[in-house]
């Protein structure tokens, strides 16, 4: 079985679904910016797509329940794309620090 194709629309759809969840401050690219989908002329930070589905790395606001935000991101990404989603909370920031 081949890996799902990381298309601009799929990567953008995943990013949009994650960013639409209340409490998500931003998508997170990892310590060295290595977490991203690389496409011709575009780089979608914080999103990768592979055999296991989508991986989404996020930063959450500190005034939110981190587990609830991560669960909502997973649910919304899976509903929007049909792919299994694994969500990693990379950082927590205070509202207004972004």
PDB file of N, CA and C in Angstrom:
ATOM      1  N   UNK A   1       0.850  -1.178   0.000  1.00  0.00           N
ATOM      2  CA  UNK A   1       0.000   0.000   0.000  1.00  0.00           C
ATOM      3  C   UNK A   1       0.887   1.229   0.000  1.00  0.00           C
ATOM      4  N   UNK A   2       0.596   2.170  -0.851  1.00  0.00           N
ATOM      5  CA  UNK A   2       1.407   3.383  -0.919  1.00  0.00           C
ATOM      6  C   UNK A   2       0.902   4.419   0.071  1.00  0.00           C
ATOM      7  N   UNK A   3       1.804   5.359   0.391  1.00  0.00           N
ATOM      8  CA  UNK A   3       1.456   6.426   1.331  1.00  0.00           C
ATOM      9  C   UNK A   3       0.436   7.354   0.698  1.00  0.00           C
ATOM     10  N   UNK A   4      -0.457   7.916   1.503  1.00  0.00           N
ATOM     11  CA  UNK A   4      -1.383   8.907   0.959  1.00  0.00           C
ATOM     12  C   UNK A   4      -0.590  10.065   0.377  1.00  0.00           C
ATOM     13  N   UNK A   5      -1.039  10.573  -0.725  1.00  0.00           N
ATOM     14  CA  UNK A   5      -0.330  11.675  -1.362  1.00  0.00           C
ATOM     15  C   UNK A   5      -0.536  12.962  -0.569  1.00  0.00           C
ATOM     16  N   UNK A   6       0.576  13.643  -0.299  1.00  0.00           N
ATOM     17  CA  UNK A   6       0.515  14.920   0.415  1.00  0.00           C
ATOM     18  C   UNK A   6       0.252  16.017  -0.608  1.00  0.00           C
ATOM     19  N   UNK A   7      -0.994  16.248  -0.885  1.00  0.00           N
ATOM     20  CA  UNK A   7      -1.365  17.250  -1.871  1.00  0.00           C
ATOM     21  C   UNK A   7      -1.525  18.600  -1.192  1.00  0.00           C
ATOM     22  N   UNK A   8      -1.393  19.677  -1.969  1.00  0.00           N
ATOM     23  CA  UNK A   8      -1.601  20.993  -1.366  1.00  0.00           C
ATOM     24  C   UNK A   8      -2.965  21.103  -0.694  1.00  0.00           C
ATOM     25  N   UNK A   9      -3.988  20.534  -1.318  1.00  0.00           N
ATOM     26  CA  UNK A   9      -5.314  20.650  -0.722  1.00  0.00           C
ATOM     27  C   UNK A   9      -5.425  19.834   0.565  1.00  0.00           C
ATOM     28  N   UNK A  10      -4.819  18.647   0.616  1.00  0.00           N
ATOM     29  CA  UNK A  10      -4.879  17.832   1.832  1.00  0.00           C
ATOM     30  C   UNK A  10      -4.115  18.499   2.964  1.00  0.00           C
ATOM     31  N   UNK A  11      -2.907  18.950   2.704  1.00  0.00           N
ATOM     32  CA  UNK A  11      -2.102  19.604   3.742  1.00  0.00           C
ATOM     33  C   UNK A  11      -2.777  20.885   4.220  1.00  0.00           C
ATOM     34  N   UNK A  12      -3.301  21.658   3.292  1.00  0.00           N
ATOM     35  CA  UNK A  12      -3.986  22.904   3.660  1.00  0.00           C
ATOM     36  C   UNK A  12      -5.268  22.612   4.423  1.00  0.00           C
ATOM     37  N   UNK A  13      -5.971  21.560   4.036  1.00  0.00           N
ATOM     38  CA  UNK A  13      -7.210  21.166   4.711  1.00  0.00           C
ATOM     39  C   UNK A  13      -6.923  20.751   6.156  1.00  0.00           C
ATOM     40  N   UNK A  14      -5.856  19.999   6.358  1.00  0.00           N
ATOM     41  CA  UNK A  14      -5.461  19.578   7.701  1.00  0.00           C
ATOM     42  C   UNK A  14      -5.084  20.791   8.539  1.00  0.00           C
ATOM     43  N   UNK A  15      -4.270  21.676   7.967  1.00  0.00           N
ATOM     44  CA  UNK A  15      -3.849  22.882   8.690  1.00  0.00           C
ATOM     45  C   UNK A  15      -5.051  23.746   9.054  1.00  0.00           C
ATOM     46  N   UNK A  16      -5.954  23.941   8.115  1.00  0.00           N
ATOM     47  CA  UNK A  16      -7.132  24.778   8.370  1.00  0.00           C
ATOM     48  C   UNK A  16      -8.020  24.171   9.453  1.00  0.00           C
ATOM     49  N   UNK A  17      -8.212  22.855   9.405  1.00  0.00           N
ATOM     50  CA  UNK A  17      -9.046  22.195  10.416  1.00  0.00           C
ATOM     51  C   UNK A  17      -8.430  22.337  11.804  1.00  0.00           C
ATOM     52  N   UNK A  18      -7.127  22.180  11.905  1.00  0.00           N
ATOM     53  CA  UNK A  18      -6.450  22.301  13.200  1.00  0.00           C
ATOM     54  C   UNK A  18      -6.507  23.726  13.722  1.00  0.00           C
ATOM     55  N   UNK A  19      -6.229  24.691  12.865  1.00  0.00           N
ATOM     56  CA  UNK A  19      -6.208  26.094  13.291  1.00  0.00           C
ATOM     57  C   UNK A  19      -7.592  26.626  13.646  1.00  0.00           C
ATOM     58  N   UNK A  20      -8.637  25.977  13.159  1.00  0.00           N
ATOM     59  CA  UNK A  20     -10.002  26.420  13.453  1.00  0.00           C
ATOM     60  C   UNK A  20     -10.469  26.006  14.850  1.00  0.00           C
ATOM     61  N   UNK A  21      -9.730  25.124  15.498  1.00  0.00           N
ATOM     62  CA  UNK A  21     -10.126  24.655  16.833  1.00  0.00           C
ATOM     63  C   UNK A  21      -9.792  25.728  17.867  1.00  0.00           C
ATOM     64  N   UNK A  22     -10.768  26.148  18.671  1.00  0.00           N
ATOM     65  CA  UNK A  22     -10.486  27.128  19.726  1.00  0.00           C
ATOM     66  C   UNK A  22      -9.414  26.596  20.678  1.00  0.00           C
ATOM     67  N   UNK A  23      -8.448  27.444  20.985  1.00  0.00           N
ATOM     68  CA  UNK A  23      -7.361  27.053  21.874  1.00  0.00           C
ATOM     69  C   UNK A  23      -6.066  26.751  21.156  1.00  0.00           C
ATOM     70  N   UNK A  24      -6.130  26.537  19.839  1.00  0.00           N
ATOM     71  CA  UNK A  24      -4.910  26.312  19.066  1.00  0.00           C
ATOM     72  C   UNK A  24      -4.312  27.670  18.721  1.00  0.00           C
ATOM     73  N   UNK A  25      -3.087  27.905  19.184  1.00  0.00           N
ATOM     74  CA  UNK A  25      -2.411  29.169  18.910  1.00  0.00           C
ATOM     75  C   UNK A  25      -1.779  29.162  17.528  1.00  0.00           C
ATOM     76  N   UNK A  26      -1.160  28.023  17.170  1.00  0.00           N
ATOM     77  CA  UNK A  26      -0.474  27.913  15.880  1.00  0.00           C
ATOM     78  C   UNK A  26      -0.086  26.468  15.636  1.00  0.00           C
ATOM     79  N   UNK A  27       0.304  26.193  14.409  1.00  0.00           N
ATOM     80  CA  UNK A  27       0.911  24.910  14.089  1.00  0.00           C
ATOM     81  C   UNK A  27       2.388  25.030  14.441  1.00  0.00           C
ATOM     82  N   UNK A  28       3.004  23.943  14.877  1.00  0.00           N
ATOM     83  CA  UNK A  28       4.383  23.973  15.370  1.00  0.00           C
ATOM     84  C   UNK A  28       5.263  23.118  14.469  1.00  0.00           C
ATOM     85  N   UNK A  29       6.359  23.676  14.033  1.00  0.00           N
ATOM     86  CA  UNK A  29       7.255  22.981  13.113  1.00  0.00           C
ATOM     87  C   UNK A  29       8.329  22.132  13.755  1.00  0.00           C
ATOM     88  N   UNK A  30       8.330  22.019  15.073  1.00  0.00           N
ATOM     89  CA  UNK A  30       9.368  21.239  15.743  1.00  0.00           C
ATOM     90  C   UNK A  30      10.570  22.100  16.080  1.00  0.00           C
ATOM     91  N   UNK A  31      11.491  21.545  16.843  1.00  0.00           N
ATOM     92  CA  UNK A  31      12.661  22.291  17.318  1.00  0.00           C
ATOM     93  C   UNK A  31      13.520  22.821  16.175  1.00  0.00           C
ATOM     94  N   UNK A  32      13.584  22.081  15.083  1.00  0.00           N
ATOM     95  CA  UNK A  32      14.420  22.478  13.958  1.00  0.00           C
ATOM     96  C   UNK A  32      13.618  22.749  12.689  1.00  0.00           C
ATOM     97  N   UNK A  33      12.320  22.892  12.814  1.00  0.00           N
ATOM     98  CA  UNK A  33      11.471  23.153  11.656  1.00  0.00           C
ATOM     99  C   UNK A  33      11.276  21.948  10.762  1.00  0.00           C
ATOM    100  N   UNK A  34      11.541  20.765  11.306  1.00  0.00           N
ATOM    101  CA  UNK A  34      11.507  19.547  10.502  1.00  0.00           C
ATOM    102  C   UNK A  34      10.107  18.979  10.287  1.00  0.00           C
ATOM    103  N   UNK A  35       9.137  19.461  11.041  1.00  0.00           N
ATOM    104  CA  UNK A  35       7.777  18.933  10.919  1.00  0.00           C
ATOM    105  C   UNK A  35       7.012  19.812   9.938  1.00  0.00           C
ATOM    106  N   UNK A  36       6.916  19.322   8.708  1.00  0.00           N
ATOM    107  CA  UNK A  36       6.250  20.096   7.663  1.00  0.00           C
ATOM    108  C   UNK A  36       5.968  19.196   6.473  1.00  0.00           C
ATOM    109  N   UNK A  37       5.027  19.609   5.678  1.00  0.00           N
ATOM    110  CA  UNK A  37       4.768  18.969   4.395  1.00  0.00           C
ATOM    111  C   UNK A  37       5.385  19.864   3.333  1.00  0.00           C
ATOM    112  N   UNK A  38       6.311  19.293   2.575  1.00  0.00           N
ATOM    113  CA  UNK A  38       7.013  20.044   1.537  1.00  0.00           C
ATOM    114  C   UNK A  38       6.368  19.743   0.191  1.00  0.00           C
ATOM    115  N   UNK A  39       5.898  20.789  -0.443  1.00  0.00           N
ATOM    116  CA  UNK A  39       5.234  20.683  -1.734  1.00  0.00           C
ATOM    117  C   UNK A  39       5.880  21.679  -2.686  1.00  0.00           C
ATOM    118  N   UNK A  40       5.689  21.511  -3.976  1.00  0.00           N
ATOM    119  CA  UNK A  40       6.265  22.476  -4.918  1.00  0.00           C
ATOM    120  C   UNK A  40       5.801  23.897  -4.606  1.00  0.00           C
ATOM    121  N   UNK A  41       6.744  24.738  -4.222  1.00  0.00           N
ATOM    122  CA  UNK A  41       6.435  26.137  -3.954  1.00  0.00           C
ATOM    123  C   UNK A  41       5.718  26.404  -2.652  1.00  0.00           C
ATOM    124  N   UNK A  42       5.596  25.394  -1.801  1.00  0.00           N
ATOM    125  CA  UNK A  42       4.832  25.566  -0.568  1.00  0.00           C
ATOM    126  C   UNK A  42       5.377  24.650   0.520  1.00  0.00           C
ATOM    127  N   UNK A  43       5.316  25.136   1.743  1.00  0.00           N
ATOM    128  CA  UNK A  43       5.702  24.356   2.918  1.00  0.00           C
ATOM    129  C   UNK A  43       4.610  24.561   3.965  1.00  0.00           C
ATOM    130  N   UNK A  44       3.939  23.486   4.347  1.00  0.00           N
ATOM    131  CA  UNK A  44       2.885  23.566   5.356  1.00  0.00           C
ATOM    132  C   UNK A  44       3.489  23.106   6.683  1.00  0.00           C
ATOM    133  N   UNK A  45       3.765  24.058   7.557  1.00  0.00           N
ATOM    134  CA  UNK A  45       4.432  23.795   8.829  1.00  0.00           C
ATOM    135  C   UNK A  45       3.490  23.079   9.793  1.00  0.00           C
ATOM    136  N   UNK A  46       4.038  22.089  10.521  1.00  0.00           N
ATOM    137  CA  UNK A  46       3.282  21.414  11.568  1.00  0.00           C
ATOM    138  C   UNK A  46       2.408  20.269  11.101  1.00  0.00           C
ATOM    139  N   UNK A  47       2.470  19.937   9.815  1.00  0.00           N
ATOM    140  CA  UNK A  47       1.622  18.877   9.260  1.00  0.00           C
ATOM    141  C   UNK A  47       2.477  17.923   8.437  1.00  0.00           C
ATOM    142  N   UNK A  48       2.347  16.623   8.702  1.00  0.00           N
ATOM    143  CA  UNK A  48       2.937  15.614   7.827  1.00  0.00           C
ATOM    144  C   UNK A  48       1.866  14.580   7.497  1.00  0.00           C
ATOM    145  N   UNK A  49       1.983  13.980   6.325  1.00  0.00           N
ATOM    146  CA  UNK A  49       1.043  12.946   5.887  1.00  0.00           C
ATOM    147  C   UNK A  49       1.862  11.743   5.444  1.00  0.00           C
ATOM    148  N   UNK A  50       1.509  10.565   5.950  1.00  0.00           N
ATOM    149  CA  UNK A  50       2.239   9.353   5.596  1.00  0.00           C
ATOM    150  C   UNK A  50       1.342   8.138   5.638  1.00  0.00           C
ATOM    151  N   UNK A  51       1.962   6.958   5.682  1.00  0.00           N
ATOM    152  CA  UNK A  51       1.210   5.700   5.693  1.00  0.00           C
ATOM    153  C   UNK A  51       0.232   5.605   6.856  1.00  0.00           C
ATOM    154  N   UNK A  52       0.630   6.155   7.992  1.00  0.00           N
ATOM    155  CA  UNK A  52      -0.208   6.058   9.194  1.00  0.00           C
ATOM    156  C   UNK A  52      -1.276   7.142   9.263  1.00  0.00           C
ATOM    157  N   UNK A  53      -1.297   8.049   8.309  1.00  0.00           N
ATOM    158  CA  UNK A  53      -2.277   9.136   8.313  1.00  0.00           C
ATOM    159  C   UNK A  53      -1.609  10.479   8.483  1.00  0.00           C
ATOM    160  N   UNK A  54      -2.277  11.375   9.180  1.00  0.00           N
ATOM    161  CA  UNK A  54      -1.772  12.741   9.361  1.00  0.00           C
ATOM    162  C   UNK A  54      -1.184  12.904  10.757  1.00  0.00           C
ATOM    163  N   UNK A  55      -0.095  13.647  10.819  1.00  0.00           N
ATOM    164  CA  UNK A  55       0.488  14.054  12.100  1.00  0.00           C
ATOM    165  C   UNK A  55       0.392  15.565  12.158  1.00  0.00           C
ATOM    166  N   UNK A  56      -0.156  16.056  13.263  1.00  0.00           N
ATOM    167  CA  UNK A  56      -0.361  17.492  13.423  1.00  0.00           C
ATOM    168  C   UNK A  56       0.300  17.923  14.728  1.00  0.00           C
ATOM    169  N   UNK A  57       1.183  18.906  14.643  1.00  0.00           N
ATOM    170  CA  UNK A  57       1.896  19.416  15.817  1.00  0.00           C
ATOM    171  C   UNK A  57       1.408  20.834  16.077  1.00  0.00           C
ATOM    172  N   UNK A  58       0.956  21.070  17.316  1.00  0.00           N
ATOM    173  CA  UNK A  58       0.311  22.343  17.633  1.00  0.00           C
ATOM    174  C   UNK A  58       0.899  22.993  18.878  1.00  0.00           C
ATOM    175  N   UNK A  59       0.633  24.290  18.989  1.00  0.00           N
ATOM    176  CA  UNK A  59       0.866  25.062  20.204  1.00  0.00           C
ATOM    177  C   UNK A  59      -0.508  25.449  20.728  1.00  0.00           C
ATOM    178  N   UNK A  60      -0.712  25.275  22.042  1.00  0.00           N
ATOM    179  CA  UNK A  60      -2.015  25.506  22.669  1.00  0.00           C
ATOM    180  C   UNK A  60      -1.906  26.669  23.650  1.00  0.00           C
ATOM    181  N   UNK A  61      -2.975  27.451  23.752  1.00  0.00           N
ATOM    182  CA  UNK A  61      -3.029  28.528  24.744  1.00  0.00           C
ATOM    183  C   UNK A  61      -3.155  27.947  26.148  1.00  0.00           C
ATOM    184  N   UNK A  62      -2.464  28.563  27.104  1.00  0.00           N
ATOM    185  CA  UNK A  62      -2.406  28.052  28.473  1.00  0.00           C
ATOM    186  C   UNK A  62      -3.737  28.123  29.219  1.00  0.00           C
ATOM    187  N   UNK A  63      -4.657  28.942  28.751  1.00  0.00           N
ATOM    188  CA  UNK A  63      -5.948  29.034  29.441  1.00  0.00           C
ATOM    189  C   UNK A  63      -6.957  27.995  28.941  1.00  0.00           C
ATOM    190  N   UNK A  64      -6.493  27.050  28.143  1.00  0.00           N
ATOM    191  CA  UNK A  64      -7.351  25.996  27.592  1.00  0.00           C
ATOM    192  C   UNK A  64      -6.956  24.646  28.186  1.00  0.00           C
ATOM    193  N   UNK A  65      -7.876  23.703  28.163  1.00  0.00           N
ATOM    194  CA  UNK A  65      -7.572  22.335  28.570  1.00  0.00           C
ATOM    195  C   UNK A  65      -6.820  21.668  27.414  1.00  0.00           C
ATOM    196  N   UNK A  66      -5.554  21.379  27.639  1.00  0.00           N
ATOM    197  CA  UNK A  66      -4.683  20.872  26.575  1.00  0.00           C
ATOM    198  C   UNK A  66      -5.225  19.574  25.982  1.00  0.00           C
ATOM    199  N   UNK A  67      -5.683  18.662  26.823  1.00  0.00           N
ATOM    200  CA  UNK A  67      -6.204  17.382  26.318  1.00  0.00           C
ATOM    201  C   UNK A  67      -7.450  17.572  25.471  1.00  0.00           C
ATOM    202  N   UNK A  68      -8.331  18.462  25.898  1.00  0.00           N
ATOM    203  CA  UNK A  68      -9.555  18.708  25.128  1.00  0.00           C
ATOM    204  C   UNK A  68      -9.243  19.343  23.776  1.00  0.00           C
ATOM    205  N   UNK A  69      -8.294  20.273  23.757  1.00  0.00           N
ATOM    206  CA  UNK A  69      -7.918  20.911  22.493  1.00  0.00           C
ATOM    207  C   UNK A  69      -7.318  19.872  21.550  1.00  0.00           C
ATOM    208  N   UNK A  70      -6.409  19.044  22.045  1.00  0.00           N
ATOM    209  CA  UNK A  70      -5.787  18.014  21.208  1.00  0.00           C
ATOM    210  C   UNK A  70      -6.831  17.034  20.677  1.00  0.00           C
ATOM    211  N   UNK A  71      -7.774  16.637  21.519  1.00  0.00           N
ATOM    212  CA  UNK A  71      -8.830  15.718  21.084  1.00  0.00           C
ATOM    213  C   UNK A  71      -9.714  16.361  20.022  1.00  0.00           C
ATOM    214  N   UNK A  72     -10.008  17.640  20.171  1.00  0.00           N
ATOM    215  CA  UNK A  72     -10.828  18.349  19.183  1.00  0.00           C
ATOM    216  C   UNK A  72     -10.093  18.464  17.851  1.00  0.00           C
ATOM    217  N   UNK A  73      -8.792  18.722  17.899  1.00  0.00           N
ATOM    218  CA  UNK A  73      -8.002  18.787  16.660  1.00  0.00           C
ATOM    219  C   UNK A  73      -8.037  17.433  15.970  1.00  0.00           C
ATOM    220  N   UNK A  74      -7.796  16.365  16.713  1.00  0.00           N
ATOM    221  CA  UNK A  74      -7.818  15.029  16.117  1.00  0.00           C
ATOM    222  C   UNK A  74      -9.175  14.741  15.476  1.00  0.00           C
ATOM    223  N   UNK A  75     -10.232  15.002  16.210  1.00  0.00           N
ATOM    224  CA  UNK A  75     -11.591  14.753  15.709  1.00  0.00           C
ATOM    225  C   UNK A  75     -11.867  15.560  14.441  1.00  0.00           C
ATOM    226  N   UNK A  76     -11.540  16.844  14.455  1.00  0.00           N
ATOM    227  CA  UNK A  76     -11.855  17.711  13.321  1.00  0.00           C
ATOM    228  C   UNK A  76     -11.004  17.395  12.093  1.00  0.00           C
ATOM    229  N   UNK A  77      -9.726  17.070  12.301  1.00  0.00           N
ATOM    230  CA  UNK A  77      -8.863  16.697  11.167  1.00  0.00           C
ATOM    231  C   UNK A  77      -9.352  15.389  10.554  1.00  0.00           C
ATOM    232  N   UNK A  78      -9.676  14.418  11.387  1.00  0.00           N
ATOM    233  CA  UNK A  78     -10.179  13.141  10.870  1.00  0.00           C
ATOM    234  C   UNK A  78     -11.493  13.320  10.117  1.00  0.00           C
ATOM    235  N   UNK A  79     -12.383  14.162  10.634  1.00  0.00           N
ATOM    236  CA  UNK A  79     -13.663  14.410   9.963  1.00  0.00           C
ATOM    237  C   UNK A  79     -13.466  15.136   8.639  1.00  0.00           C
ATOM    238  N   UNK A  80     -12.515  16.053   8.591  1.00  0.00           N
ATOM    239  CA  UNK A  80     -12.293  16.850   7.379  1.00  0.00           C
ATOM    240  C   UNK A  80     -11.581  16.071   6.282  1.00  0.00           C
ATOM    241  N   UNK A  81     -10.737  15.104   6.667  1.00  0.00           N
ATOM    242  CA  UNK A  81      -9.891  14.446   5.674  1.00  0.00           C
ATOM    243  C   UNK A  81     -10.140  12.960   5.501  1.00  0.00           C
ATOM    244  N   UNK A  82     -10.729  12.314   6.505  1.00  0.00           N
ATOM    245  CA  UNK A  82     -10.876  10.865   6.455  1.00  0.00           C
ATOM    246  C   UNK A  82      -9.602  10.125   6.825  1.00  0.00           C
ATOM    247  N   UNK A  83      -8.550  10.850   7.175  1.00  0.00           N
ATOM    248  CA  UNK A  83      -7.284  10.242   7.577  1.00  0.00           C
ATOM    249  C   UNK A  83      -7.229  10.114   9.095  1.00  0.00           C
ATOM    250  N   UNK A  84      -6.567   9.075   9.579  1.00  0.00           N
ATOM    251  CA  UNK A  84      -6.308   8.960  11.013  1.00  0.00           C
ATOM    252  C   UNK A  84      -5.332  10.076  11.373  1.00  0.00           C
ATOM    253  N   UNK A  85      -5.591  10.762  12.476  1.00  0.00           N
ATOM    254  CA  UNK A  85      -4.737  11.879  12.879  1.00  0.00           C
ATOM    255  C   UNK A  85      -4.113  11.618  14.240  1.00  0.00           C
ATOM    256  N   UNK A  86      -2.836  11.929  14.336  1.00  0.00           N
ATOM    257  CA  UNK A  86      -2.111  11.899  15.599  1.00  0.00           C
ATOM    258  C   UNK A  86      -1.725  13.338  15.895  1.00  0.00           C
ATOM    259  N   UNK A  87      -2.105  13.820  17.069  1.00  0.00           N
ATOM    260  CA  UNK A  87      -1.858  15.216  17.440  1.00  0.00           C
ATOM    261  C   UNK A  87      -0.814  15.258  18.549  1.00  0.00           C
ATOM    262  N   UNK A  88       0.189  16.108  18.357  1.00  0.00           N
ATOM    263  CA  UNK A  88       1.225  16.323  19.361  1.00  0.00           C
ATOM    264  C   UNK A  88       1.183  17.774  19.794  1.00  0.00           C
ATOM    265  N   UNK A  89       1.067  18.000  21.099  1.00  0.00           N
ATOM    266  CA  UNK A  89       1.136  19.361  21.629  1.00  0.00           C
ATOM    267  C   UNK A  89       2.607  19.640  21.902  1.00  0.00           C
ATOM    268  N   UNK A  90       3.185  20.529  21.113  1.00  0.00           N
ATOM    269  CA  UNK A  90       4.610  20.841  21.201  1.00  0.00           C
ATOM    270  C   UNK A  90       4.912  21.933  22.215  1.00  0.00           C
ATOM    271  N   UNK A  91       3.954  22.837  22.440  1.00  0.00           N
ATOM    272  CA  UNK A  91       4.213  23.972  23.316  1.00  0.00           C
ATOM    273  C   UNK A  91       2.891  24.505  23.854  1.00  0.00           C
ATOM    274  N   UNK A  92       2.994  25.233  24.952  1.00  0.00           N
ATOM    275  CA  UNK A  92       1.855  25.920  25.549  1.00  0.00           C
ATOM    276  C   UNK A  92       2.290  27.357  25.787  1.00  0.00           C
ATOM    277  N   UNK A  93       1.473  28.325  25.329  1.00  0.00           N
ATOM    278  CA  UNK A  93       1.823  29.736  25.499  1.00  0.00           C
ATOM    279  C   UNK A  93       0.663  30.491  26.131  1.00  0.00           C
ATOM    280  N   UNK A  94       0.990  31.631  26.708  1.00  0.00           N
ATOM    281  CA  UNK A  94      -0.040  32.502  27.273  1.00  0.00           C
ATOM    282  C   UNK A  94      -0.743  33.250  26.148  1.00  0.00           C
ATOM    283  N   UNK A  95      -2.051  33.449  26.249  1.00  0.00           N
ATOM    284  CA  UNK A  95      -2.747  34.252  25.240  1.00  0.00           C
ATOM    285  C   UNK A  95      -2.093  35.631  25.151  1.00  0.00           C
ATOM    286  N   UNK A  96      -1.901  36.100  23.945  1.00  0.00           N
ATOM    287  CA  UNK A  96      -1.263  37.389  23.728  1.00  0.00           C
ATOM    288  C   UNK A  96       0.237  37.301  23.520  1.00  0.00           C
ATOM    289  N   UNK A  97       0.846  36.131  23.791  1.00  0.00           N
ATOM    290  CA  UNK A  97       2.285  35.957  23.584  1.00  0.00           C
ATOM    291  C   UNK A  97       2.624  35.530  22.166  1.00  0.00           C
ATOM    292  N   UNK A  98       1.616  35.335  21.356  1.00  0.00           N
ATOM    293  CA  UNK A  98       1.872  34.908  19.985  1.00  0.00           C
ATOM    294  C   UNK A  98       1.947  36.127  19.141  1.00  0.00           C
TER     295      UNK A  98
END
